[in-house]
PDB file of N, CA and C in Angstrom:
ATOM      1  N   HIS A   1       0.820  -1.194   0.000  1.00  0.00           N
ATOM      2  CA  HIS A   1       0.000   0.000   0.000  1.00  0.00           C
ATOM      3  C   HIS A   1       0.861   1.254   0.000  1.00  0.00           C
ATOM      4  N   LYS A   2       0.499   2.193  -0.797  1.00  0.00           N
ATOM      5  CA  LYS A   2       1.162   3.486  -0.810  1.00  0.00           C
ATOM      6  C   LYS A   2       1.070   4.142   0.557  1.00  0.00           C
ATOM      7  N   GLU A   3      -0.067   3.956   1.245  1.00  0.00           N
ATOM      8  CA  GLU A   3      -0.297   4.598   2.531  1.00  0.00           C
ATOM      9  C   GLU A   3       0.708   4.154   3.589  1.00  0.00           C
ATOM     10  N   LEU A   4       1.244   2.960   3.448  1.00  0.00           N
ATOM     11  CA  LEU A   4       2.160   2.439   4.451  1.00  0.00           C
ATOM     12  C   LEU A   4       3.481   3.195   4.469  1.00  0.00           C
ATOM     13  N   ASN A   5       3.807   3.910   3.418  1.00  0.00           N
ATOM     14  CA  ASN A   5       5.074   4.624   3.341  1.00  0.00           C
ATOM     15  C   ASN A   5       5.023   6.009   3.977  1.00  0.00           C
ATOM     16  N   TYR A   6       3.876   6.428   4.473  1.00  0.00           N
ATOM     17  CA  TYR A   6       3.760   7.766   5.028  1.00  0.00           C
ATOM     18  C   TYR A   6       4.566   7.958   6.310  1.00  0.00           C
ATOM     19  N   ALA A   7       4.970   6.880   6.968  1.00  0.00           N
ATOM     20  CA  ALA A   7       5.781   7.015   8.178  1.00  0.00           C
ATOM     21  C   ALA A   7       7.077   7.750   7.863  1.00  0.00           C
ATOM     22  N   ASP A   8       7.552   7.628   6.630  1.00  0.00           N
ATOM     23  CA  ASP A   8       8.757   8.353   6.224  1.00  0.00           C
ATOM     24  C   ASP A   8       8.549   9.857   6.298  1.00  0.00           C
ATOM     25  N   HIS A   9       7.300  10.292   6.265  1.00  0.00           N
ATOM     26  CA  HIS A   9       6.978  11.713   6.312  1.00  0.00           C
ATOM     27  C   HIS A   9       6.464  12.134   7.689  1.00  0.00           C
ATOM     28  N   GLY A  10       6.529  11.232   8.664  1.00  0.00           N
ATOM     29  CA  GLY A  10       6.163  11.581  10.025  1.00  0.00           C
ATOM     30  C   GLY A  10       4.773  11.172  10.452  1.00  0.00           C
ATOM     31  N   PHE A  11       4.044  10.430   9.643  1.00  0.00           N
ATOM     32  CA  PHE A  11       2.718   9.966  10.054  1.00  0.00           C
ATOM     33  C   PHE A  11       2.366   8.671   9.345  1.00  0.00           C
ATOM     34  N   ILE A  12       1.410   7.960   9.931  1.00  0.00           N
ATOM     35  CA  ILE A  12       0.851   6.763   9.306  1.00  0.00           C
ATOM     36  C   ILE A  12      -0.663   6.816   9.497  1.00  0.00           C
ATOM     37  N   TYR A  13      -1.367   6.054   8.699  1.00  0.00           N
ATOM     38  CA  TYR A  13      -2.808   5.919   8.869  1.00  0.00           C
ATOM     39  C   TYR A  13      -3.055   4.843   9.917  1.00  0.00           C
ATOM     40  N   LEU A  14      -3.779   5.174  10.972  1.00  0.00           N
ATOM     41  CA  LEU A  14      -4.036   4.212  12.033  1.00  0.00           C
ATOM     42  C   LEU A  14      -4.820   3.002  11.543  1.00  0.00           C
ATOM     43  N   LYS A  15      -5.609   3.172  10.502  1.00  0.00           N
ATOM     44  CA  LYS A  15      -6.395   2.042  10.009  1.00  0.00           C
ATOM     45  C   LYS A  15      -5.506   0.921   9.482  1.00  0.00           C
ATOM     46  N   TYR A  16      -4.241   1.203   9.201  1.00  0.00           N
ATOM     47  CA  TYR A  16      -3.329   0.180   8.710  1.00  0.00           C
ATOM     48  C   TYR A  16      -2.526  -0.491   9.821  1.00  0.00           C
ATOM     49  N   VAL A  17      -2.689  -0.044  11.061  1.00  0.00           N
ATOM     50  CA  VAL A  17      -1.992  -0.676  12.176  1.00  0.00           C
ATOM     51  C   VAL A  17      -2.669  -2.010  12.459  1.00  0.00           C
ATOM     52  N   SER A  18      -1.894  -3.076  12.385  1.00  0.00           N
ATOM     53  CA  SER A  18      -2.456  -4.415  12.581  1.00  0.00           C
ATOM     54  C   SER A  18      -2.255  -4.929  13.997  1.00  0.00           C
ATOM     55  N   GLU A  19      -1.308  -4.325  14.720  1.00  0.00           N
ATOM     56  CA  GLU A  19      -0.996  -4.841  16.048  1.00  0.00           C
ATOM     57  C   GLU A  19      -0.247  -3.785  16.852  1.00  0.00           C
ATOM     58  N   ILE A  20      -0.421  -3.840  18.167  1.00  0.00           N
ATOM     59  CA  ILE A  20       0.400  -3.055  19.086  1.00  0.00           C
ATOM     60  C   ILE A  20       1.123  -4.058  19.971  1.00  0.00           C
ATOM     61  N   LYS A  21       2.444  -4.012  19.956  1.00  0.00           N
ATOM     62  CA  LYS A  21       3.242  -4.915  20.789  1.00  0.00           C
ATOM     63  C   LYS A  21       3.734  -4.133  22.009  1.00  0.00           C
ATOM     64  N   ILE A  22       3.550  -4.730  23.163  1.00  0.00           N
ATOM     65  CA  ILE A  22       3.974  -4.124  24.423  1.00  0.00           C
ATOM     66  C   ILE A  22       5.359  -4.651  24.779  1.00  0.00           C
ATOM     67  N   GLY A  23       6.222  -3.761  25.262  1.00  0.00           N
ATOM     68  CA  GLY A  23       7.575  -4.167  25.644  1.00  0.00           C
ATOM     69  C   GLY A  23       8.494  -4.253  24.438  1.00  0.00           C
ATOM     70  N   ARG A  24       9.516  -5.080  24.558  1.00  0.00           N
ATOM     71  CA  ARG A  24      10.510  -5.237  23.488  1.00  0.00           C
ATOM     72  C   ARG A  24      10.016  -6.245  22.458  1.00  0.00           C
ATOM     73  N   GLY A  25       8.980  -5.884  21.747  1.00  0.00           N
ATOM     74  CA  GLY A  25       8.348  -6.807  20.811  1.00  0.00           C
ATOM     75  C   GLY A  25       8.892  -6.781  19.406  1.00  0.00           C
ATOM     76  N   THR A  26       9.836  -5.892  19.134  1.00  0.00           N
ATOM     77  CA  THR A  26      10.400  -5.816  17.782  1.00  0.00           C
ATOM     78  C   THR A  26      11.914  -6.032  17.837  1.00  0.00           C
ATOM     79  N   GLN A  27      12.494  -6.340  16.697  1.00  0.00           N
ATOM     80  CA  GLN A  27      13.941  -6.576  16.632  1.00  0.00           C
ATOM     81  C   GLN A  27      14.731  -5.347  17.071  1.00  0.00           C
ATOM     82  N   ILE A  28      14.263  -4.175  16.674  1.00  0.00           N
ATOM     83  CA  ILE A  28      14.976  -2.950  17.033  1.00  0.00           C
ATOM     84  C   ILE A  28      15.000  -2.756  18.541  1.00  0.00           C
ATOM     85  N   LEU A  29      13.852  -2.940  19.197  1.00  0.00           N
ATOM     86  CA  LEU A  29      13.816  -2.776  20.656  1.00  0.00           C
ATOM     87  C   LEU A  29      14.579  -3.892  21.365  1.00  0.00           C
ATOM     88  N   GLN A  30      14.603  -5.086  20.798  1.00  0.00           N
ATOM     89  CA  GLN A  30      15.350  -6.180  21.415  1.00  0.00           C
ATOM     90  C   GLN A  30      16.849  -5.894  21.389  1.00  0.00           C
ATOM     91  N   LYS A  31      17.296  -5.182  20.364  1.00  0.00           N
ATOM     92  CA  LYS A  31      18.722  -4.845  20.247  1.00  0.00           C
ATOM     93  C   LYS A  31      19.095  -3.598  21.040  1.00  0.00           C
ATOM     94  N   ALA A  32      18.113  -2.763  21.355  1.00  0.00           N
ATOM     95  CA  ALA A  32      18.385  -1.510  22.060  1.00  0.00           C
ATOM     96  C   ALA A  32      18.888  -1.792  23.474  1.00  0.00           C
ATOM     97  N   THR A  33      19.829  -0.988  23.905  1.00  0.00           N
ATOM     98  CA  THR A  33      20.432  -1.232  25.220  1.00  0.00           C
ATOM     99  C   THR A  33      19.886  -0.309  26.313  1.00  0.00           C
ATOM    100  N   SER A  34      19.447   0.857  25.954  1.00  0.00           N
ATOM    101  CA  SER A  34      19.038   1.815  26.987  1.00  0.00           C
ATOM    102  C   SER A  34      17.551   2.153  26.912  1.00  0.00           C
ATOM    103  N   VAL A  35      16.710   1.118  26.981  1.00  0.00           N
ATOM    104  CA  VAL A  35      15.267   1.348  26.983  1.00  0.00           C
ATOM    105  C   VAL A  35      14.654   0.723  28.228  1.00  0.00           C
ATOM    106  N   ASN A  36      13.573   1.309  28.658  1.00  0.00           N
ATOM    107  CA  ASN A  36      12.826   0.787  29.793  1.00  0.00           C
ATOM    108  C   ASN A  36      11.782  -0.188  29.256  1.00  0.00           C
ATOM    109  N   ASP A  37      11.981  -1.474  29.471  1.00  0.00           N
ATOM    110  CA  ASP A  37      11.073  -2.508  28.957  1.00  0.00           C
ATOM    111  C   ASP A  37       9.617  -2.234  29.322  1.00  0.00           C
ATOM    112  N   LYS A  38       9.396  -1.702  30.497  1.00  0.00           N
ATOM    113  CA  LYS A  38       8.038  -1.500  30.989  1.00  0.00           C
ATOM    114  C   LYS A  38       7.374  -0.256  30.396  1.00  0.00           C
ATOM    115  N   ALA A  39       8.122   0.530  29.629  1.00  0.00           N
ATOM    116  CA  ALA A  39       7.573   1.766  29.057  1.00  0.00           C
ATOM    117  C   ALA A  39       7.575   1.768  27.537  1.00  0.00           C
ATOM    118  N   THR A  40       7.922   0.644  26.925  1.00  0.00           N
ATOM    119  CA  THR A  40       8.022   0.606  25.460  1.00  0.00           C
ATOM    120  C   THR A  40       6.829  -0.110  24.830  1.00  0.00           C
ATOM    121  N   PHE A  41       6.563   0.277  23.583  1.00  0.00           N
ATOM    122  CA  PHE A  41       5.551  -0.394  22.770  1.00  0.00           C
ATOM    123  C   PHE A  41       5.830  -0.094  21.311  1.00  0.00           C
ATOM    124  N   SER A  42       5.223  -0.880  20.440  1.00  0.00           N
ATOM    125  CA  SER A  42       5.450  -0.730  19.001  1.00  0.00           C
ATOM    126  C   SER A  42       4.138  -0.833  18.247  1.00  0.00           C
ATOM    127  N   LEU A  43       4.035  -0.049  17.190  1.00  0.00           N
ATOM    128  CA  LEU A  43       2.921  -0.155  16.260  1.00  0.00           C
ATOM    129  C   LEU A  43       3.406  -0.955  15.060  1.00  0.00           C
ATOM    130  N   ILE A  44       2.648  -1.988  14.711  1.00  0.00           N
ATOM    131  CA  ILE A  44       2.980  -2.826  13.563  1.00  0.00           C
ATOM    132  C   ILE A  44       2.001  -2.483  12.450  1.00  0.00           C
ATOM    133  N   TYR A  45       2.509  -2.115  11.297  1.00  0.00           N
ATOM    134  CA  TYR A  45       1.665  -1.810  10.137  1.00  0.00           C
ATOM    135  C   TYR A  45       2.361  -2.325   8.894  1.00  0.00           C
ATOM    136  N   GLY A  46       1.704  -3.303   8.258  1.00  0.00           N
ATOM    137  CA  GLY A  46       2.333  -3.951   7.115  1.00  0.00           C
ATOM    138  C   GLY A  46       3.619  -4.605   7.574  1.00  0.00           C
ATOM    139  N   PRO A  47       4.683  -4.493   6.791  1.00  0.00           N
ATOM    140  CA  PRO A  47       5.964  -5.070   7.197  1.00  0.00           C
ATOM    141  C   PRO A  47       6.770  -4.129   8.093  1.00  0.00           C
ATOM    142  N   ASN A  48       6.204  -2.983   8.436  1.00  0.00           N
ATOM    143  CA  ASN A  48       6.926  -1.933   9.152  1.00  0.00           C
ATOM    144  C   ASN A  48       6.535  -1.864  10.626  1.00  0.00           C
ATOM    145  N   THR A  49       7.398  -1.216  11.402  1.00  0.00           N
ATOM    146  CA  THR A  49       7.105  -0.960  12.814  1.00  0.00           C
ATOM    147  C   THR A  49       7.538   0.449  13.171  1.00  0.00           C
ATOM    148  N   ILE A  50       6.876   0.992  14.175  1.00  0.00           N
ATOM    149  CA  ILE A  50       7.327   2.232  14.804  1.00  0.00           C
ATOM    150  C   ILE A  50       7.400   1.932  16.295  1.00  0.00           C
ATOM    151  N   ASP A  51       8.564   2.170  16.885  1.00  0.00           N
ATOM    152  CA  ASP A  51       8.790   1.868  18.288  1.00  0.00           C
ATOM    153  C   ASP A  51       8.747   3.149  19.119  1.00  0.00           C
ATOM    154  N   PHE A  52       8.193   3.013  20.328  1.00  0.00           N
ATOM    155  CA  PHE A  52       8.052   4.148  21.229  1.00  0.00           C
ATOM    156  C   PHE A  52       8.532   3.770  22.624  1.00  0.00           C
ATOM    157  N   GLN A  53       9.009   4.794  23.345  1.00  0.00           N
ATOM    158  CA  GLN A  53       9.257   4.650  24.776  1.00  0.00           C
ATOM    159  C   GLN A  53       8.578   5.816  25.457  1.00  0.00           C
ATOM    160  N   ALA A  54       7.627   5.501  26.315  1.00  0.00           N
ATOM    161  CA  ALA A  54       6.913   6.526  27.073  1.00  0.00           C
ATOM    162  C   ALA A  54       7.767   6.928  28.282  1.00  0.00           C
ATOM    163  N   PRO A  55       7.435   8.054  28.917  1.00  0.00           N
ATOM    164  CA  PRO A  55       8.194   8.477  30.099  1.00  0.00           C
ATOM    165  C   PRO A  55       8.054   7.517  31.288  1.00  0.00           C
ATOM    166  N   SER A  56       6.957   6.753  31.326  1.00  0.00           N
ATOM    167  CA  SER A  56       6.732   5.826  32.441  1.00  0.00           C
ATOM    168  C   SER A  56       5.825   4.688  31.961  1.00  0.00           C
ATOM    169  N   PRO A  57       5.782   3.588  32.712  1.00  0.00           N
ATOM    170  CA  PRO A  57       4.858   2.504  32.354  1.00  0.00           C
ATOM    171  C   PRO A  57       3.397   2.958  32.369  1.00  0.00           C
ATOM    172  N   GLU A  58       3.044   3.828  33.293  1.00  0.00           N
ATOM    173  CA  GLU A  58       1.669   4.334  33.369  1.00  0.00           C
ATOM    174  C   GLU A  58       1.308   5.136  32.128  1.00  0.00           C
ATOM    175  N   LYS A  59       2.236   5.981  31.675  1.00  0.00           N
ATOM    176  CA  LYS A  59       1.999   6.770  30.449  1.00  0.00           C
ATOM    177  C   LYS A  59       1.898   5.842  29.241  1.00  0.00           C
ATOM    178  N   ARG A  60       2.739   4.822  29.198  1.00  0.00           N
ATOM    179  CA  ARG A  60       2.672   3.862  28.087  1.00  0.00           C
ATOM    180  C   ARG A  60       1.295   3.213  28.030  1.00  0.00           C
ATOM    181  N   ASP A  61       0.819   2.748  29.180  1.00  0.00           N
ATOM    182  CA  ASP A  61      -0.488   2.104  29.222  1.00  0.00           C
ATOM    183  C   ASP A  61      -1.588   3.065  28.784  1.00  0.00           C
ATOM    184  N   PHE A  62      -1.479   4.318  29.199  1.00  0.00           N
ATOM    185  CA  PHE A  62      -2.452   5.343  28.812  1.00  0.00           C
ATOM    186  C   PHE A  62      -2.422   5.563  27.307  1.00  0.00           C
ATOM    187  N   TRP A  63      -1.214   5.708  26.741  1.00  0.00           N
ATOM    188  CA  TRP A  63      -1.067   5.918  25.300  1.00  0.00           C
ATOM    189  C   TRP A  63      -1.595   4.730  24.514  1.00  0.00           C
ATOM    190  N   VAL A  64      -1.263   3.519  24.954  1.00  0.00           N
ATOM    191  CA  VAL A  64      -1.691   2.307  24.243  1.00  0.00           C
ATOM    192  C   VAL A  64      -3.214   2.195  24.265  1.00  0.00           C
ATOM    193  N   LYS A  65      -3.832   2.450  25.410  1.00  0.00           N
ATOM    194  CA  LYS A  65      -5.303   2.393  25.476  1.00  0.00           C
ATOM    195  C   LYS A  65      -5.920   3.400  24.513  1.00  0.00           C
ATOM    196  N   GLY A  66      -5.370   4.607  24.463  1.00  0.00           N
ATOM    197  CA  GLY A  66      -5.867   5.625  23.531  1.00  0.00           C
ATOM    198  C   GLY A  66      -5.680   5.212  22.081  1.00  0.00           C
ATOM    199  N   LEU A  67      -4.543   4.629  21.774  1.00  0.00           N
ATOM    200  CA  LEU A  67      -4.281   4.170  20.407  1.00  0.00           C
ATOM    201  C   LEU A  67      -5.205   3.023  20.015  1.00  0.00           C
ATOM    202  N   ILE A  68      -5.436   2.098  20.936  1.00  0.00           N
ATOM    203  CA  ILE A  68      -6.351   0.991  20.638  1.00  0.00           C
ATOM    204  C   ILE A  68      -7.733   1.540  20.316  1.00  0.00           C
ATOM    205  N   TYR A  69      -8.186   2.483  21.111  1.00  0.00           N
ATOM    206  CA  TYR A  69      -9.494   3.094  20.861  1.00  0.00           C
ATOM    207  C   TYR A  69      -9.511   3.776  19.492  1.00  0.00           C
ATOM    208  N   ALA A  70      -8.486   4.593  19.207  1.00  0.00           N
ATOM    209  CA  ALA A  70      -8.433   5.334  17.943  1.00  0.00           C
ATOM    210  C   ALA A  70      -8.332   4.388  16.745  1.00  0.00           C
ATOM    211  N   ILE A  71      -7.530   3.340  16.865  1.00  0.00           N
ATOM    212  CA  ILE A  71      -7.363   2.382  15.765  1.00  0.00           C
ATOM    213  C   ILE A  71      -8.679   1.661  15.493  1.00  0.00           C
ATOM    214  N   ASN A  72      -9.331   1.193  16.545  1.00  0.00           N
ATOM    215  CA  ASN A  72     -10.613   0.511  16.363  1.00  0.00           C
ATOM    216  C   ASN A  72     -11.647   1.444  15.751  1.00  0.00           C
ATOM    217  N   ARG A  73     -11.626   2.682  16.157  1.00  0.00           N
ATOM    218  CA  ARG A  73     -12.565   3.673  15.608  1.00  0.00           C
ATOM    219  C   ARG A  73     -12.290   3.901  14.119  1.00  0.00           C
ATOM    220  N   CYS A  74     -11.019   4.012  13.743  1.00  0.00           N
ATOM    221  CA  CYS A  74     -10.649   4.216  12.333  1.00  0.00           C
ATOM    222  C   CYS A  74     -11.072   3.040  11.471  1.00  0.00           C
ATOM    223  N   LYS A  75     -10.959   1.852  12.004  1.00  0.00           N
ATOM    224  CA  LYS A  75     -11.288   0.661  11.223  1.00  0.00           C
ATOM    225  C   LYS A  75     -12.792   0.472  11.075  1.00  0.00           C
ATOM    226  N   ARG A  76     -13.580   1.098  11.941  1.00  0.00           N
ATOM    227  CA  ARG A  76     -15.033   0.969  11.855  1.00  0.00           C
ATOM    228  C   ARG A  76     -15.661   2.016  10.959  1.00  0.00           C
ATOM    229  N   VAL A  77     -14.922   3.071  10.613  1.00  0.00           N
ATOM    230  CA  VAL A  77     -15.460   4.129   9.768  1.00  0.00           C
ATOM    231  C   VAL A  77     -15.572   3.597   8.346  1.00  0.00           C
ATOM    232  N   PRO A  78     -16.766   3.594   7.775  1.00  0.00           N
ATOM    233  CA  PRO A  78     -16.917   3.074   6.406  1.00  0.00           C
ATOM    234  C   PRO A  78     -16.172   3.939   5.392  1.00  0.00           C
ATOM    235  N   THR A  79     -15.698   3.297   4.371  1.00  0.00           N
ATOM    236  CA  THR A  79     -15.031   4.032   3.299  1.00  0.00           C
ATOM    237  C   THR A  79     -16.078   4.691   2.407  1.00  0.00           C
ATOM    238  N   LEU A  80     -15.637   5.581   1.551  1.00  0.00           N
ATOM    239  CA  LEU A  80     -16.527   6.235   0.604  1.00  0.00           C
ATOM    240  C   LEU A  80     -17.193   5.191  -0.287  1.00  0.00           C
ATOM    241  N   THR A  81     -16.432   4.176  -0.690  1.00  0.00           N
ATOM    242  CA  THR A  81     -16.991   3.122  -1.533  1.00  0.00           C
ATOM    243  C   THR A  81     -18.136   2.414  -0.821  1.00  0.00           C
ATOM    244  N   GLU A  82     -17.963   2.123   0.471  1.00  0.00           N
ATOM    245  CA  GLU A  82     -19.034   1.467   1.228  1.00  0.00           C
ATOM    246  C   GLU A  82     -20.260   2.360   1.317  1.00  0.00           C
ATOM    247  N   HIS A  83     -20.051   3.667   1.494  1.00  0.00           N
ATOM    248  CA  HIS A  83     -21.178   4.604   1.532  1.00  0.00           C
ATOM    249  C   HIS A  83     -21.929   4.610   0.198  1.00  0.00           C
ATOM    250  N   VAL A  84     -21.190   4.649  -0.901  1.00  0.00           N
ATOM    251  CA  VAL A  84     -21.815   4.681  -2.220  1.00  0.00           C
ATOM    252  C   VAL A  84     -22.586   3.391  -2.465  1.00  0.00           C
ATOM    253  N   LYS A  85     -21.994   2.250  -2.092  1.00  0.00           N
ATOM    254  CA  LYS A  85     -22.689   0.969  -2.251  1.00  0.00           C
ATOM    255  C   LYS A  85     -23.988   0.967  -1.453  1.00  0.00           C
ATOM    256  N   ASP A  86     -23.931   1.477  -0.231  1.00  0.00           N
ATOM    257  CA  ASP A  86     -25.117   1.510   0.623  1.00  0.00           C
ATOM    258  C   ASP A  86     -26.202   2.394   0.016  1.00  0.00           C
ATOM    259  N   ILE A  87     -25.805   3.562  -0.455  1.00  0.00           N
ATOM    260  CA  ILE A  87     -26.767   4.484  -1.072  1.00  0.00           C
ATOM    261  C   ILE A  87     -27.376   3.840  -2.319  1.00  0.00           C
ATOM    262  N   TRP A  88     -26.526   3.211  -3.137  1.00  0.00           N
ATOM    263  CA  TRP A  88     -26.983   2.545  -4.361  1.00  0.00           C
ATOM    264  C   TRP A  88     -28.029   1.494  -4.017  1.00  0.00           C
ATOM    265  N   LEU A  89     -27.720   0.650  -3.042  1.00  0.00           N
ATOM    266  CA  LEU A  89     -28.641  -0.420  -2.670  1.00  0.00           C
ATOM    267  C   LEU A  89     -29.964   0.133  -2.141  1.00  0.00           C
ATOM    268  N   LYS A  90     -29.890   1.173  -1.327  1.00  0.00           N
ATOM    269  CA  LYS A  90     -31.121   1.760  -0.790  1.00  0.00           C
ATOM    270  C   LYS A  90     -31.963   2.367  -1.908  1.00  0.00           C
ATOM    271  N   TYR A  91     -31.328   3.077  -2.816  1.00  0.00           N
ATOM    272  CA  TYR A  91     -32.040   3.722  -3.916  1.00  0.00           C
ATOM    273  C   TYR A  91     -32.725   2.675  -4.801  1.00  0.00           C
ATOM    274  N   TYR A  92     -31.957   1.667  -5.209  1.00  0.00           N
ATOM    275  CA  TYR A  92     -32.506   0.672  -6.128  1.00  0.00           C
ATOM    276  C   TYR A  92     -33.467  -0.294  -5.447  1.00  0.00           C
ATOM    277  N   SER A  93     -33.356  -0.432  -4.146  1.00  0.00           N
ATOM    278  CA  SER A  93     -34.320  -1.306  -3.462  1.00  0.00           C
ATOM    279  C   SER A  93     -35.697  -0.651  -3.432  1.00  0.00           C
ATOM    280  N   LEU A  94     -35.755   0.671  -3.588  1.00  0.00           N
ATOM    281  CA  LEU A  94     -37.031   1.373  -3.622  1.00  0.00           C
ATOM    282  C   LEU A  94     -37.726   1.255  -4.973  1.00  0.00           C
ATOM    283  N   ASP A  95     -36.947   1.003  -6.008  1.00  0.00           N
ATOM    284  CA  ASP A  95     -37.498   0.908  -7.360  1.00  0.00           C
ATOM    285  C   ASP A  95     -37.847  -0.553  -7.653  1.00  0.00           C
ATOM    286  N   GLN A  96     -39.103  -0.888  -7.593  1.00  0.00           N
ATOM    287  CA  GLN A  96     -39.558  -2.268  -7.755  1.00  0.00           C
ATOM    288  C   GLN A  96     -39.423  -2.782  -9.187  1.00  0.00           C
ATOM    289  N   SER A  97     -39.209  -1.866 -10.150  1.00  0.00           N
ATOM    290  CA  SER A  97     -39.115  -2.302 -11.542  1.00  0.00           C
ATOM    291  C   SER A  97     -37.718  -2.833 -11.884  1.00  0.00           C
ATOM    292  N   ILE A  98     -36.761  -2.667 -10.980  1.00  0.00           N
ATOM    293  CA  ILE A  98     -35.392  -3.106 -11.240  1.00  0.00           C
ATOM    294  C   ILE A  98     -35.170  -4.479 -10.606  1.00  0.00           C
ATOM    295  N   ASP A  99     -34.565  -5.364 -11.364  1.00  0.00           N
ATOM    296  CA  ASP A  99     -34.226  -6.696 -10.852  1.00  0.00           C
ATOM    297  C   ASP A  99     -33.140  -6.533  -9.783  1.00  0.00           C
ATOM    298  N   GLN A 100     -33.456  -6.870  -8.538  1.00  0.00           N
ATOM    299  CA  GLN A 100     -32.542  -6.660  -7.414  1.00  0.00           C
ATOM    300  C   GLN A 100     -31.233  -7.438  -7.570  1.00  0.00           C
ATOM    301  N   ASN A 101     -31.323  -8.671  -8.049  1.00  0.00           N
ATOM    302  CA  ASN A 101     -30.107  -9.474  -8.223  1.00  0.00           C
ATOM    303  C   ASN A 101     -29.188  -8.865  -9.267  1.00  0.00           C
ATOM    304  N   GLN A 102     -29.760  -8.400 -10.357  1.00  0.00           N
ATOM    305  CA  GLN A 102     -28.971  -7.768 -11.413  1.00  0.00           C
ATOM    306  C   GLN A 102     -28.350  -6.468 -10.895  1.00  0.00           C
ATOM    307  N   SER A 103     -29.104  -5.693 -10.136  1.00  0.00           N
ATOM    308  CA  SER A 103     -28.601  -4.439  -9.591  1.00  0.00           C
ATOM    309  C   SER A 103     -27.426  -4.687  -8.651  1.00  0.00           C
ATOM    310  N   TYR A 104     -27.559  -5.667  -7.774  1.00  0.00           N
ATOM    311  CA  TYR A 104     -26.490  -5.968  -6.828  1.00  0.00           C
ATOM    312  C   TYR A 104     -25.251  -6.496  -7.546  1.00  0.00           C
ATOM    313  N   GLU A 105     -25.453  -7.316  -8.578  1.00  0.00           N
ATOM    314  CA  GLU A 105     -24.332  -7.838  -9.354  1.00  0.00           C
ATOM    315  C   GLU A 105     -23.591  -6.696 -10.055  1.00  0.00           C
ATOM    316  N   LEU A 106     -24.330  -5.753 -10.633  1.00  0.00           N
ATOM    317  CA  LEU A 106     -23.728  -4.587 -11.270  1.00  0.00           C
ATOM    318  C   LEU A 106     -22.941  -3.769 -10.260  1.00  0.00           C
ATOM    319  N   LEU A 107     -23.511  -3.578  -9.095  1.00  0.00           N
ATOM    320  CA  LEU A 107     -22.855  -2.817  -8.038  1.00  0.00           C
ATOM    321  C   LEU A 107     -21.539  -3.468  -7.636  1.00  0.00           C
ATOM    322  N   ASN A 108     -21.558  -4.755  -7.415  1.00  0.00           N
ATOM    323  CA  ASN A 108     -20.315  -5.452  -7.043  1.00  0.00           C
ATOM    324  C   ASN A 108     -19.279  -5.369  -8.141  1.00  0.00           C
ATOM    325  N   ASN A 109     -19.676  -5.446  -9.385  1.00  0.00           N
ATOM    326  CA  ASN A 109     -18.729  -5.322 -10.487  1.00  0.00           C
ATOM    327  C   ASN A 109     -18.112  -3.927 -10.532  1.00  0.00           C
ATOM    328  N   LEU A 110     -18.879  -2.928 -10.179  1.00  0.00           N
ATOM    329  CA  LEU A 110     -18.360  -1.559 -10.193  1.00  0.00           C
ATOM    330  C   LEU A 110     -17.332  -1.300  -9.093  1.00  0.00           C
ATOM    331  N   PHE A 111     -17.561  -1.888  -7.922  1.00  0.00           N
ATOM    332  CA  PHE A 111     -16.733  -1.546  -6.759  1.00  0.00           C
ATOM    333  C   PHE A 111     -15.737  -2.601  -6.340  1.00  0.00           C
ATOM    334  N   ASN A 112     -15.755  -3.744  -6.962  1.00  0.00           N
ATOM    335  CA  ASN A 112     -14.784  -4.782  -6.571  1.00  0.00           C
ATOM    336  C   ASN A 112     -13.782  -5.033  -7.660  1.00  0.00           C
TER     337      ASN A 112
END
């Protein structure tokens, strides 16, 4: 995904984060010598990772909980394509003269 490369510019899309690892969960953190194991975590997105060390274990836990909430929220937001599909289905379901199976098949061909 093109979106996965945005970390090079200082940001990533949270919807692409597949996992949050607590502690020294990545190769980079395992090799690091001066990190507090209880304050570190990593975001995994695609083949990439971003590693963090919070000021304290409590701050890390706070940040991770916030990130989990934000990531789950991002993943639940429908895409524009899903909105258009929904609108299409609602519109055509109101028109009884249109074959519903044909309409749905056309819709899937357009968006998949």
